[in-house]
Each structure stands twice: as structure tokens, then as C-alpha cells.
Amino acid sequence: MNGFARLACWAIIVCLTAYLVVSFATGSVLGDQLHVWQVVWGRYVWADAYSGFVLFSLFIYAYERKLGLTLVLLLLTFSTGNMVNAAWLLWRGPDLFRRIRQSASGIQS
């Protein structure tokens, strides 16, 4: 995993964690969610984000082959967002990037 990918993952983890803390400190979780659900674009963004969470969890399951771990990570992602996915990429990314590079180098045009 190259330096840029690691930096991107760390930036996402730090920024989303800070934003989550500020949001809990200053917002109303239930009240704000009710407002989001009243707006069509709010519902779309909600559906899009959660669809992405599920798709990324399928990717995690394809790598890990452990349903329990995948479900725990999915539930954490549902409650905290993509910072969980970024942390998983920091953990497993080096091996994934290595495998992808090796696979791509074996392809002949």
C-alpha cells in the first residue's frame, strides 16, 4: 500500500472521528435524523451511504472469509461510518495492494 493510500485512510479516520465527536456534542442524533428523512435527497444520501457500507462489507467478507468479523465490522460501520472501512484498509491494505499488483503483472496484452 503506497504512502498516498495510507495518508488518505489516516485522514479519513482522523477527520471523521473528530466530526463524529463534534456532531454528538452539538447535535441531536434523533432530531437531526428525523429532519434528514423528511427531505428526498436526505433519504437518497442515506440509502446510498448504507448501500456502500454493505458493498464494502461484501469486499471484506471476500477477503476475510469470516462472517462474524464481517458482521461486527458492518455494524460498527453502520453506527460510525467509513472510518471503520478506512481502518480495515490500513490493516489489510498492504496485502491487498500486493496481491493486486502481482495479479496485474501476470496479465499479458
C-alpha atoms as a PDB file:
ATOM      1  CA  MET A   1       0.000   0.000   0.000  1.00  0.00           C
ATOM      2  CA  ASN A   2       1.577   3.253  -1.063  1.00  0.00           C
ATOM      3  CA  GLY A   3       2.021   6.330   1.072  1.00  0.00           C
ATOM      4  CA  PHE A   4      -0.834   8.217  -0.553  1.00  0.00           C
ATOM      5  CA  ALA A   5      -3.334   5.444   0.230  1.00  0.00           C
ATOM      6  CA  ARG A   6      -2.143   5.262   3.846  1.00  0.00           C
ATOM      7  CA  LEU A   7      -2.368   9.047   4.188  1.00  0.00           C
ATOM      8  CA  ALA A   8      -5.890   9.032   2.732  1.00  0.00           C
ATOM      9  CA  CYS A   9      -7.002   6.326   5.191  1.00  0.00           C
ATOM     10  CA  TRP A  10      -5.497   8.163   8.165  1.00  0.00           C
ATOM     11  CA  ALA A  11      -7.052  11.464   7.050  1.00  0.00           C
ATOM     12  CA  ILE A  12     -10.476   9.829   6.789  1.00  0.00           C
ATOM     13  CA  ILE A  13     -10.150   8.182  10.201  1.00  0.00           C
ATOM     14  CA  VAL A  14      -8.990  11.373  11.944  1.00  0.00           C
ATOM     15  CA  CYS A  15     -11.430  13.733  10.235  1.00  0.00           C
ATOM     16  CA  LEU A  16     -14.481  11.509  10.574  1.00  0.00           C
ATOM     17  CA  THR A  17     -13.688  10.731  14.212  1.00  0.00           C
ATOM     18  CA  ALA A  18     -13.340  14.441  15.003  1.00  0.00           C
ATOM     19  CA  TYR A  19     -16.531  15.243  13.110  1.00  0.00           C
ATOM     20  CA  LEU A  20     -18.388  12.436  14.889  1.00  0.00           C
ATOM     21  CA  VAL A  21     -17.330  13.793  18.292  1.00  0.00           C
ATOM     22  CA  VAL A  22     -18.406  17.331  17.347  1.00  0.00           C
ATOM     23  CA  SER A  23     -21.695  16.042  15.958  1.00  0.00           C
ATOM     24  CA  PHE A  24     -22.528  14.144  19.143  1.00  0.00           C
ATOM     25  CA  ALA A  25     -21.517  17.141  21.269  1.00  0.00           C
ATOM     26  CA  THR A  26     -23.543  19.737  19.364  1.00  0.00           C
ATOM     27  CA  GLY A  27     -26.336  17.904  17.533  1.00  0.00           C
ATOM     28  CA  SER A  28     -29.400  15.898  18.296  1.00  0.00           C
ATOM     29  CA  VAL A  29     -28.986  12.428  16.810  1.00  0.00           C
ATOM     30  CA  LEU A  30     -32.692  11.607  16.682  1.00  0.00           C
ATOM     31  CA  GLY A  31     -33.871  15.112  15.821  1.00  0.00           C
ATOM     32  CA  ASP A  32     -31.346  15.571  13.032  1.00  0.00           C
ATOM     33  CA  GLN A  33     -32.117  12.150  11.567  1.00  0.00           C
ATOM     34  CA  LEU A  34     -35.837  12.902  11.512  1.00  0.00           C
ATOM     35  CA  HIS A  35     -35.080  16.060   9.548  1.00  0.00           C
ATOM     36  CA  VAL A  36     -32.909  14.158   7.052  1.00  0.00           C
ATOM     37  CA  TRP A  37     -35.658  11.591   6.464  1.00  0.00           C
ATOM     38  CA  GLN A  38     -38.130  14.375   5.584  1.00  0.00           C
ATOM     39  CA  VAL A  39     -36.086  15.519   2.572  1.00  0.00           C
ATOM     40  CA  VAL A  40     -35.911  13.368  -0.557  1.00  0.00           C
ATOM     41  CA  TRP A  41     -32.189  13.990  -1.048  1.00  0.00           C
ATOM     42  CA  GLY A  42     -31.572  13.163   2.589  1.00  0.00           C
ATOM     43  CA  ARG A  43     -33.207   9.778   2.076  1.00  0.00           C
ATOM     44  CA  TYR A  44     -31.203   9.224  -1.114  1.00  0.00           C
ATOM     45  CA  VAL A  45     -27.870  10.038   0.572  1.00  0.00           C
ATOM     46  CA  TRP A  46     -28.807   7.757   3.477  1.00  0.00           C
ATOM     47  CA  ALA A  47     -29.653   4.884   1.099  1.00  0.00           C
ATOM     48  CA  ASP A  48     -26.512   5.479  -0.956  1.00  0.00           C
ATOM     49  CA  ALA A  49     -24.219   5.518   2.087  1.00  0.00           C
ATOM     50  CA  TYR A  50     -25.688   2.361   3.583  1.00  0.00           C
ATOM     51  CA  SER A  51     -25.586   0.582   0.220  1.00  0.00           C
ATOM     52  CA  GLY A  52     -21.886   1.431   0.071  1.00  0.00           C
ATOM     53  CA  PHE A  53     -21.395   0.092   3.601  1.00  0.00           C
ATOM     54  CA  VAL A  54     -22.957  -3.231   2.591  1.00  0.00           C
ATOM     55  CA  LEU A  55     -20.933  -3.420  -0.643  1.00  0.00           C
ATOM     56  CA  PHE A  56     -17.671  -2.734   1.190  1.00  0.00           C
ATOM     57  CA  SER A  57     -18.627  -5.391   3.748  1.00  0.00           C
ATOM     58  CA  LEU A  58     -19.021  -7.892   0.901  1.00  0.00           C
ATOM     59  CA  PHE A  59     -15.471  -6.979  -0.137  1.00  0.00           C
ATOM     60  CA  ILE A  60     -14.286  -7.521   3.447  1.00  0.00           C
ATOM     61  CA  TYR A  61     -16.049 -10.890   3.576  1.00  0.00           C
ATOM     62  CA  ALA A  62     -14.454 -11.952   0.273  1.00  0.00           C
ATOM     63  CA  TYR A  63     -11.043 -11.287   1.837  1.00  0.00           C
ATOM     64  CA  GLU A  64     -11.602 -12.440   5.417  1.00  0.00           C
ATOM     65  CA  ARG A  65     -13.996 -15.371   4.892  1.00  0.00           C
ATOM     66  CA  LYS A  66     -15.214 -14.839   8.478  1.00  0.00           C
ATOM     67  CA  LEU A  67     -18.892 -13.977   8.707  1.00  0.00           C
ATOM     68  CA  GLY A  68     -18.679 -12.992  12.387  1.00  0.00           C
ATOM     69  CA  LEU A  69     -15.887 -10.463  11.840  1.00  0.00           C
ATOM     70  CA  THR A  70     -17.621  -9.109   8.756  1.00  0.00           C
ATOM     71  CA  LEU A  71     -20.894  -8.600  10.627  1.00  0.00           C
ATOM     72  CA  VAL A  72     -19.159  -6.878  13.547  1.00  0.00           C
ATOM     73  CA  LEU A  73     -17.378  -4.531  11.142  1.00  0.00           C
ATOM     74  CA  LEU A  74     -20.644  -3.900   9.272  1.00  0.00           C
ATOM     75  CA  LEU A  75     -22.463  -2.989  12.498  1.00  0.00           C
ATOM     76  CA  LEU A  76     -19.619  -0.704  13.532  1.00  0.00           C
ATOM     77  CA  THR A  77     -19.703   0.893  10.093  1.00  0.00           C
ATOM     78  CA  PHE A  78     -23.475   1.398  10.353  1.00  0.00           C
ATOM     79  CA  SER A  79     -23.000   3.217  13.648  1.00  0.00           C
ATOM     80  CA  THR A  80     -19.827   5.211  12.973  1.00  0.00           C
ATOM     81  CA  GLY A  81     -19.355   5.376   9.202  1.00  0.00           C
ATOM     82  CA  ASN A  82     -16.495   4.789   6.813  1.00  0.00           C
ATOM     83  CA  MET A  83     -13.769   5.310   9.398  1.00  0.00           C
ATOM     84  CA  VAL A  84     -14.139   1.581  10.142  1.00  0.00           C
ATOM     85  CA  ASN A  85     -13.587   0.754   6.473  1.00  0.00           C
ATOM     86  CA  ALA A  86     -10.539   3.040   6.362  1.00  0.00           C
ATOM     87  CA  ALA A  87      -9.089   1.324   9.440  1.00  0.00           C
ATOM     88  CA  TRP A  88      -9.675  -2.094   7.853  1.00  0.00           C
ATOM     89  CA  LEU A  89      -7.844  -0.901   4.726  1.00  0.00           C
ATOM     90  CA  LEU A  90      -4.897   0.224   6.861  1.00  0.00           C
ATOM     91  CA  TRP A  91      -4.838  -3.250   8.397  1.00  0.00           C
ATOM     92  CA  ARG A  92      -5.365  -5.373   5.281  1.00  0.00           C
ATOM     93  CA  GLY A  93      -4.476  -2.914   2.527  1.00  0.00           C
ATOM     94  CA  PRO A  94      -0.785  -3.764   2.217  1.00  0.00           C
ATOM     95  CA  ASP A  95      -1.591  -7.400   1.443  1.00  0.00           C
ATOM     96  CA  LEU A  96      -4.448  -6.458  -0.888  1.00  0.00           C
ATOM     97  CA  PHE A  97      -2.326  -3.973  -2.825  1.00  0.00           C
ATOM     98  CA  ARG A  98       0.479  -6.540  -3.117  1.00  0.00           C
ATOM     99  CA  ARG A  99      -1.915  -9.187  -4.432  1.00  0.00           C
ATOM    100  CA  ILE A 100      -3.464  -6.806  -6.947  1.00  0.00           C
ATOM    101  CA  ARG A 101      -0.032  -5.724  -8.234  1.00  0.00           C
ATOM    102  CA  GLN A 102       1.093  -9.348  -8.563  1.00  0.00           C
ATOM    103  CA  SER A 103      -2.098 -10.289 -10.350  1.00  0.00           C
ATOM    104  CA  ALA A 104      -1.866  -7.330 -12.728  1.00  0.00           C
ATOM    105  CA  SER A 105       1.785  -8.008 -13.539  1.00  0.00           C
ATOM    106  CA  GLY A 106       0.880 -11.520 -14.712  1.00  0.00           C
ATOM    107  CA  ILE A 107      -1.542 -10.193 -17.347  1.00  0.00           C
ATOM    108  CA  GLN A 108      -0.084 -10.057 -20.854  1.00  0.00           C
ATOM    109  CA  SER A 109      -1.506  -7.754 -23.511  1.00  0.00           C
END
